[in-house]
Amino acid sequence: MNLTLFGETIHHALDPNQSNRKMTLTVKELAEELNISRNTAYQLADQKDFPSFRIGRRLLINHTMLQEWLNQNSLPQLCPT
């Protein structure tokens, strides 16, 4: 699926069936997973509807809720008919 963030279209491939994945991601890990810059990841995490939260000074992203957010905010891939 494709997702448009701040005018930039990206392809995300998070696998919801991974049983050994971590429950949370750091902003750096989010940027790596989505192949976006760290600045874009911080902008994304600052959005009200994005599944991020703070523990002390650490900004974390809930992995399961991230997948749901991506599914809700992704553009369907269009195939020519």
Protein backbone atom coordinates (compact mmCIF):
# COMPACT_ATOMS: atom_id res chain seq x y z
CA MET A 1 0.00 0.00 0.00
CA ASN A 2 1.06 3.58 -0.56
CA LEU A 3 0.85 6.37 1.98
CA THR A 4 1.23 10.08 1.37
CA LEU A 5 2.99 12.01 4.14
CA PHE A 6 3.61 15.72 3.82
CA GLY A 7 3.36 15.48 0.04
CA GLU A 8 5.72 12.49 -0.18
CA THR A 9 4.33 9.10 -1.26
CA ILE A 10 5.91 6.11 0.44
CA HIS A 11 5.33 2.38 0.35
CA HIS A 12 4.92 0.70 3.72
CA ALA A 13 5.46 -2.98 4.34
CA LEU A 14 5.01 -3.54 8.06
CA ASP A 15 4.02 -7.15 8.61
CA PRO A 16 1.21 -7.44 11.19
CA ASN A 17 1.85 -11.18 11.45
CA GLN A 18 5.31 -10.85 12.96
CA SER A 19 5.00 -12.48 16.37
CA ASN A 20 8.46 -11.56 17.67
CA ARG A 21 8.35 -7.84 16.94
CA LYS A 22 8.71 -5.18 19.61
CA MET A 23 5.59 -3.51 21.01
CA THR A 24 6.95 -0.03 20.36
CA LEU A 25 9.23 1.75 17.93
CA THR A 26 11.47 4.73 18.49
CA VAL A 27 11.28 7.64 16.06
CA LYS A 28 14.54 6.44 14.49
CA GLU A 29 13.09 2.94 14.00
CA LEU A 30 9.87 4.42 12.58
CA ALA A 31 11.91 6.39 10.05
CA GLU A 32 13.81 3.24 9.06
CA GLU A 33 10.63 1.10 8.81
CA LEU A 34 8.86 3.63 6.59
CA ASN A 35 11.98 4.75 4.72
CA ILE A 36 11.41 8.40 5.62
CA SER A 37 13.66 11.01 7.19
CA ARG A 38 13.85 11.39 10.95
CA ASN A 39 12.40 14.91 10.64
CA THR A 40 9.39 13.54 8.73
CA ALA A 41 8.97 10.84 11.39
CA TYR A 42 8.89 13.51 14.12
CA GLN A 43 6.32 15.53 12.14
CA LEU A 44 4.22 12.41 11.78
CA ALA A 45 4.49 11.56 15.49
CA ASP A 46 3.29 15.08 16.37
CA GLN A 47 -0.05 14.55 14.63
CA LYS A 48 -2.99 14.19 17.03
CA ASP A 49 -4.32 10.96 15.51
CA PHE A 50 -0.91 9.26 15.27
CA PRO A 51 -0.27 6.42 17.79
CA SER A 52 2.71 7.96 19.57
CA PHE A 53 3.23 8.65 23.27
CA ARG A 54 5.94 9.79 25.64
CA ILE A 55 7.55 7.99 28.53
CA GLY A 56 9.70 10.62 30.14
CA ARG A 57 11.60 12.21 27.28
CA ARG A 58 11.32 9.17 24.98
CA LEU A 59 8.84 9.40 22.12
CA LEU A 60 7.53 5.93 21.28
CA ILE A 61 5.12 4.56 18.68
CA ASN A 62 2.77 1.64 19.34
CA HIS A 63 3.58 -0.93 16.64
CA THR A 64 0.10 -2.51 16.42
CA MET A 65 -1.69 0.84 16.39
CA LEU A 66 0.79 2.08 13.79
CA GLN A 67 -0.25 -0.71 11.43
CA GLU A 68 -3.92 0.21 11.95
CA TRP A 69 -3.12 3.89 11.37
CA LEU A 70 -1.24 3.06 8.16
CA ASN A 71 -4.14 0.93 6.92
CA GLN A 72 -6.63 3.75 7.59
CA ASN A 73 -4.44 6.45 6.05
CA SER A 74 -3.03 4.58 3.05
CA LEU A 75 -4.07 5.25 -0.49
CA PRO A 76 -5.20 2.12 -2.33
CA GLN A 77 -2.80 1.10 -5.04
CA LEU A 78 -4.41 1.74 -8.38
CA CYS A 79 -3.98 -0.86 -11.09
CA PRO A 80 -4.75 -0.01 -14.71
CA THR A 81 -7.56 -2.10 -16.15
